[in-house]
Amino acid sequence: MRLAANHPYLVFKNRNTSFSDIPICGFCNEECDDPIMSKCKHIFCREEAKNFLLESPECPVCKIKISIDLNQVYDYKVQTKIDPNNWISSTKIEFLVQQLTNLHNNNTKIEKSIIFSQYVNFLEILRWRLERAGFRCVVIYGNMQINQRKVAIDKFNNESHITVFLISLKAGGVALNLTEANNVFLMDLWWNPAVEEQAMDRIHRIGQHRPIRIHRIIIENSIESKILELQNKKKALFESSIEQNYAAVEKINEEDLHFLFN
């Protein structure tokens, strides 16, 4: 349902588009943009695996004792092929294009923007659409090597014609300093509000002198509205706890699922 709120191509196979096989995490059943493989040949998100290994000795897929090298590199290429003659956009994408166009047309200074999504395929669709609208983009996914990330960051920070940075949400929480941007667009919501806040901190670093504008793009009366309510509940729980430890609110539990789907 979250994928459908972004773009219909993400939830059904369409003759107008094709994607490379992006791995699906055996823990969360979401796309992995920083995947690793266990000795039993199952694929997981690296961060999910780190947390899971502290709690359970068994693989959630095959139920045997799990063993994972957390430092391994699992390489894959993201490719999106879209037929421009049969392209169908989405409400979110066209809203984003309009917002970026307004920023470009209504400001004398160069406006740079960071766009976050947890779905690698969606970021590729966004890049395809934005480049055809005249925007120059760079990207960072979780499986990119450090030198690849550095090249993308340097281009964004130093080349004035590159005004859009597309970043996978989890990859955006680590070792990035992007104070050249003062606009953030969150294209989809994550269960844990701390993940989003960590990503948004990338442009609140020392050296940022302009006001920051953060936009959450949400489809009204969809599953995203319920996720936003859930985020607010988790924030309230965090703020009211004595220790203020996000470990208590960072995972989705059975009660949360009941809230979302009831």
Protein backbone atom coordinates (compact mmCIF):
# COMPACT_ATOMS: atom_id res chain seq x y z
CA MET A 1 0.00 0.00 0.00
CA ARG A 2 2.88 2.36 0.72
CA LEU A 3 4.37 1.60 -2.68
CA ALA A 4 1.07 2.25 -4.41
CA ALA A 5 0.93 5.72 -2.84
CA ASN A 6 4.20 6.54 -4.62
CA HIS A 7 3.61 5.13 -8.09
CA PRO A 8 1.56 2.28 -9.59
CA TYR A 9 4.58 0.85 -11.42
CA LEU A 10 6.00 -0.20 -8.05
CA VAL A 11 3.23 -2.66 -7.21
CA PHE A 12 2.48 -4.40 -10.49
CA LYS A 13 4.42 -5.43 -13.53
CA ASN A 14 3.75 -3.09 -16.41
CA ARG A 15 4.67 -3.48 -20.04
CA ASN A 16 5.89 0.12 -20.06
CA THR A 17 8.60 -0.31 -17.45
CA SER A 18 11.05 -2.90 -16.13
CA PHE A 19 13.25 -2.97 -13.06
CA SER A 20 16.33 -4.92 -12.12
CA ASP A 21 15.79 -7.46 -9.35
CA ILE A 22 16.24 -5.42 -6.21
CA PRO A 23 16.62 -7.78 -3.22
CA ILE A 24 13.79 -8.07 -0.69
CA CYS A 25 14.74 -8.21 3.00
CA GLY A 26 13.85 -11.43 4.81
CA PHE A 27 13.19 -9.46 7.99
CA CYS A 28 11.01 -6.53 6.92
CA ASN A 29 9.88 -7.69 3.43
CA GLU A 30 10.89 -4.30 1.99
CA GLU A 31 13.44 -3.43 -0.70
CA CYS A 32 17.07 -3.68 0.42
CA ASP A 33 19.23 -0.80 -0.73
CA ASP A 34 22.10 -2.02 1.47
CA PRO A 35 21.70 -5.81 1.32
CA ILE A 36 23.82 -8.58 2.80
CA MET A 37 23.50 -12.35 2.46
CA SER A 38 23.52 -14.93 5.24
CA LYS A 39 25.42 -18.22 5.06
CA CYS A 40 22.05 -19.87 4.36
CA LYS A 41 21.75 -17.67 1.22
CA HIS A 42 18.96 -15.36 2.38
CA ILE A 43 19.15 -11.60 1.86
CA PHE A 44 18.54 -8.94 4.50
CA CYS A 45 18.94 -5.20 5.10
CA ARG A 46 22.29 -4.61 6.80
CA GLU A 47 20.81 -2.50 9.60
CA GLU A 48 17.94 -4.93 10.13
CA ALA A 49 20.46 -7.78 10.36
CA LYS A 50 22.52 -5.96 12.99
CA ASN A 51 19.46 -5.54 15.19
CA PHE A 52 18.11 -9.04 14.55
CA LEU A 53 21.35 -10.79 15.47
CA LEU A 54 21.09 -9.30 18.95
CA GLU A 55 17.66 -10.86 19.46
CA SER A 56 17.46 -14.19 17.66
CA PRO A 57 19.92 -16.94 16.64
CA GLU A 58 17.63 -18.28 13.90
CA CYS A 59 17.16 -17.20 10.29
CA PRO A 60 13.59 -15.89 9.96
CA VAL A 61 13.28 -17.58 6.54
CA CYS A 62 14.66 -21.11 6.98
CA LYS A 63 14.81 -21.24 10.81
CA ILE A 64 18.36 -22.60 10.98
CA LYS A 65 21.12 -20.96 13.03
CA ILE A 66 21.91 -17.69 11.31
CA SER A 67 25.40 -16.51 10.40
CA ILE A 68 26.04 -13.22 8.58
CA ASP A 69 29.19 -11.26 7.78
CA LEU A 70 28.00 -7.73 8.52
CA ASN A 71 30.96 -6.19 6.65
CA GLN A 72 30.40 -7.97 3.35
CA VAL A 73 29.72 -6.10 0.12
CA TYR A 74 26.67 -7.30 -1.81
CA ASP A 75 26.81 -5.61 -5.19
CA TYR A 76 23.90 -5.12 -7.55
CA LYS A 77 22.97 -2.52 -10.14
CA VAL A 78 19.77 -0.55 -10.17
CA GLN A 79 18.32 -0.08 -13.63
CA THR A 80 14.96 1.33 -14.60
CA LYS A 81 13.70 1.21 -18.17
CA ILE A 82 10.64 3.30 -18.92
CA ASP A 83 8.91 3.70 -22.25
CA PRO A 84 8.51 7.51 -22.62
CA ASN A 85 5.72 7.03 -25.15
CA ASN A 86 3.53 5.23 -22.60
CA TRP A 87 4.69 6.95 -19.42
CA ILE A 88 2.13 7.35 -16.64
CA SER A 89 3.08 9.64 -13.77
CA SER A 90 1.68 9.84 -10.24
CA THR A 91 0.26 12.56 -8.02
CA LYS A 92 3.35 12.59 -5.81
CA ILE A 93 5.78 12.83 -8.70
CA GLU A 94 3.98 15.68 -10.42
CA PHE A 95 3.59 17.55 -7.13
CA LEU A 96 7.35 17.24 -6.57
CA VAL A 97 8.12 18.46 -10.10
CA GLN A 98 5.88 21.48 -9.54
CA GLN A 99 7.49 22.29 -6.18
CA LEU A 100 11.01 22.10 -7.60
CA THR A 101 9.97 24.21 -10.60
CA ASN A 102 8.54 26.86 -8.27
CA LEU A 103 11.77 26.92 -6.24
CA HIS A 104 13.75 27.43 -9.44
CA ASN A 105 11.49 30.14 -10.87
CA ASN A 106 10.74 32.12 -7.70
CA ASN A 107 14.23 32.55 -6.24
CA THR A 108 17.22 34.57 -7.39
CA LYS A 109 19.65 32.29 -5.55
CA ILE A 110 20.22 28.68 -6.53
CA GLU A 111 17.90 26.40 -4.56
CA LYS A 112 19.17 22.89 -3.93
CA SER A 113 16.99 20.05 -2.68
CA ILE A 114 17.42 16.62 -1.12
CA ILE A 115 14.78 14.02 -1.90
CA PHE A 116 14.47 10.98 0.35
CA SER A 117 12.65 7.72 -0.31
CA GLN A 118 13.06 4.29 1.23
CA TYR A 119 12.45 2.66 -2.17
CA VAL A 120 15.33 2.48 -4.63
CA ASN A 121 13.05 1.77 -7.58
CA PHE A 122 11.00 4.86 -6.81
CA LEU A 123 14.14 7.00 -6.68
CA GLU A 124 15.03 5.76 -10.15
CA ILE A 125 11.57 6.66 -11.45
CA LEU A 126 11.95 10.09 -9.85
CA ARG A 127 15.34 10.61 -11.47
CA TRP A 128 13.92 9.67 -14.88
CA ARG A 129 11.06 12.16 -14.51
CA LEU A 130 13.10 14.99 -13.00
CA GLU A 131 15.81 14.82 -15.65
CA ARG A 132 13.13 15.14 -18.32
CA ALA A 133 11.82 18.20 -16.49
CA GLY A 134 15.27 19.78 -16.80
CA PHE A 135 16.75 19.05 -13.36
CA ARG A 136 20.26 17.65 -12.94
CA CYS A 137 20.44 14.97 -10.25
CA VAL A 138 22.88 12.82 -8.30
CA VAL A 139 21.98 9.74 -6.25
CA ILE A 140 23.14 7.73 -3.24
CA TYR A 141 21.96 4.22 -2.43
CA GLY A 142 22.93 2.10 0.54
CA ASN A 143 25.14 -0.30 -1.42
CA MET A 144 27.31 2.41 -3.00
CA GLN A 145 30.99 2.42 -2.07
CA ILE A 146 32.51 5.29 -0.07
CA ASN A 147 34.32 6.72 -3.09
CA GLN A 148 31.09 6.68 -5.13
CA ARG A 149 29.28 8.55 -2.36
CA LYS A 150 32.08 11.10 -2.15
CA VAL A 151 31.88 11.81 -5.89
CA ALA A 152 28.11 12.35 -5.67
CA ILE A 153 28.42 14.61 -2.61
CA ASP A 154 31.22 16.68 -4.16
CA LYS A 155 29.20 17.20 -7.34
CA PHE A 156 26.14 18.31 -5.41
CA ASN A 157 28.07 20.66 -3.15
CA ASN A 158 30.30 22.20 -5.81
CA GLU A 159 28.45 22.16 -9.16
CA SER A 160 25.75 24.82 -9.33
CA HIS A 161 23.79 23.14 -12.14
CA ILE A 162 23.20 20.01 -10.03
CA THR A 163 20.28 20.99 -7.81
CA VAL A 164 18.69 17.67 -6.78
CA PHE A 165 20.12 14.92 -4.58
CA LEU A 166 18.14 11.66 -4.51
CA ILE A 167 19.00 9.57 -1.44
CA SER A 168 17.65 6.32 -0.04
CA LEU A 169 16.34 7.05 3.44
CA LYS A 170 18.56 4.67 5.38
CA ALA A 171 21.68 5.59 3.41
CA GLY A 172 20.97 9.25 4.16
CA GLY A 173 21.47 8.79 7.87
CA VAL A 174 25.18 8.03 7.70
CA ALA A 175 28.22 10.26 7.15
CA LEU A 176 26.70 12.92 4.92
CA ASN A 177 27.18 16.66 5.18
CA LEU A 178 24.87 18.41 2.73
CA THR A 179 24.55 22.00 3.91
CA GLU A 180 24.38 23.25 0.31
CA ALA A 181 20.73 22.15 0.35
CA ASN A 182 18.01 23.99 2.19
CA ASN A 183 15.00 22.02 0.92
CA VAL A 184 14.09 18.47 1.93
CA PHE A 185 11.33 16.35 0.41
CA LEU A 186 10.32 13.13 2.18
CA MET A 187 8.50 11.13 -0.47
CA ASP A 188 7.31 8.34 1.84
CA LEU A 189 7.09 7.74 5.58
CA TRP A 190 9.08 5.34 7.74
CA TRP A 191 7.64 3.62 10.82
CA ASN A 192 10.35 5.03 13.07
CA PRO A 193 10.44 8.86 13.17
CA ALA A 194 14.08 8.76 14.31
CA VAL A 195 15.16 7.45 10.89
CA GLU A 196 13.64 10.48 9.17
CA GLU A 197 15.03 12.91 11.74
CA GLN A 198 18.52 11.49 11.35
CA ALA A 199 18.30 11.90 7.59
CA MET A 200 17.05 15.49 7.88
CA ASP A 201 19.94 16.34 10.18
CA ARG A 202 22.20 16.10 7.10
CA ILE A 203 21.38 19.71 6.20
CA HIS A 204 21.27 21.06 9.76
CA ARG A 205 25.05 20.82 10.12
CA ILE A 206 27.55 23.55 10.97
CA GLY A 207 27.82 25.85 7.96
CA GLN A 208 24.11 26.02 7.18
CA HIS A 209 23.09 29.69 7.10
CA ARG A 210 19.74 29.54 5.31
CA PRO A 211 16.30 28.59 6.64
CA ILE A 212 15.43 24.94 6.08
CA ARG A 213 12.17 23.87 4.46
CA ILE A 214 11.06 20.28 5.03
CA HIS A 215 8.18 18.83 3.02
CA ARG A 216 6.47 15.52 3.80
CA ILE A 217 4.51 14.43 0.74
CA ILE A 218 1.59 12.29 1.91
CA ILE A 219 -1.45 10.94 0.09
CA GLU A 220 -4.52 11.89 2.11
CA ASN A 221 -6.82 9.11 3.37
CA SER A 222 -4.25 6.43 2.55
CA ILE A 223 -2.07 4.12 4.66
CA GLU A 224 0.36 7.05 4.87
CA SER A 225 -2.10 9.05 6.96
CA LYS A 226 -2.16 6.19 9.47
CA ILE A 227 1.64 5.94 9.45
CA LEU A 228 1.86 9.66 10.24
CA GLU A 229 -0.46 9.12 13.22
CA LEU A 230 1.70 6.19 14.31
CA GLN A 231 4.83 8.35 14.08
CA ASN A 232 3.23 10.97 16.30
CA LYS A 233 2.31 8.29 18.84
CA LYS A 234 5.87 7.00 18.89
CA LYS A 235 7.28 10.52 19.28
CA ALA A 236 4.95 11.15 22.22
CA LEU A 237 6.03 7.85 23.80
CA PHE A 238 9.69 8.77 23.36
CA GLU A 239 9.27 12.27 24.79
CA SER A 240 7.34 10.99 27.81
CA SER A 241 9.81 8.23 28.69
CA ILE A 242 12.37 8.88 31.40
CA GLU A 243 15.37 7.47 29.53
CA GLN A 244 14.29 8.86 26.14
CA ASN A 245 15.72 5.85 24.34
CA TYR A 246 14.49 5.36 20.79
CA ALA A 247 15.03 1.60 21.07
CA ALA A 248 11.59 1.37 22.65
CA VAL A 249 9.83 3.00 19.69
CA GLU A 250 11.95 2.22 16.64
CA LYS A 251 10.24 -1.06 15.72
CA ILE A 252 6.73 -1.78 14.60
CA ASN A 253 4.92 -4.24 16.86
CA GLU A 254 1.64 -6.13 16.81
CA GLU A 255 -0.22 -3.26 18.46
CA ASP A 256 1.09 -0.86 15.79
CA LEU A 257 -0.07 -3.18 13.01
CA HIS A 258 -3.52 -3.40 14.57
CA PHE A 259 -3.66 0.40 14.66
CA LEU A 260 -2.64 0.71 11.00
CA PHE A 261 -5.05 -1.82 9.56
CA ASN A 262 -8.03 -1.59 11.90
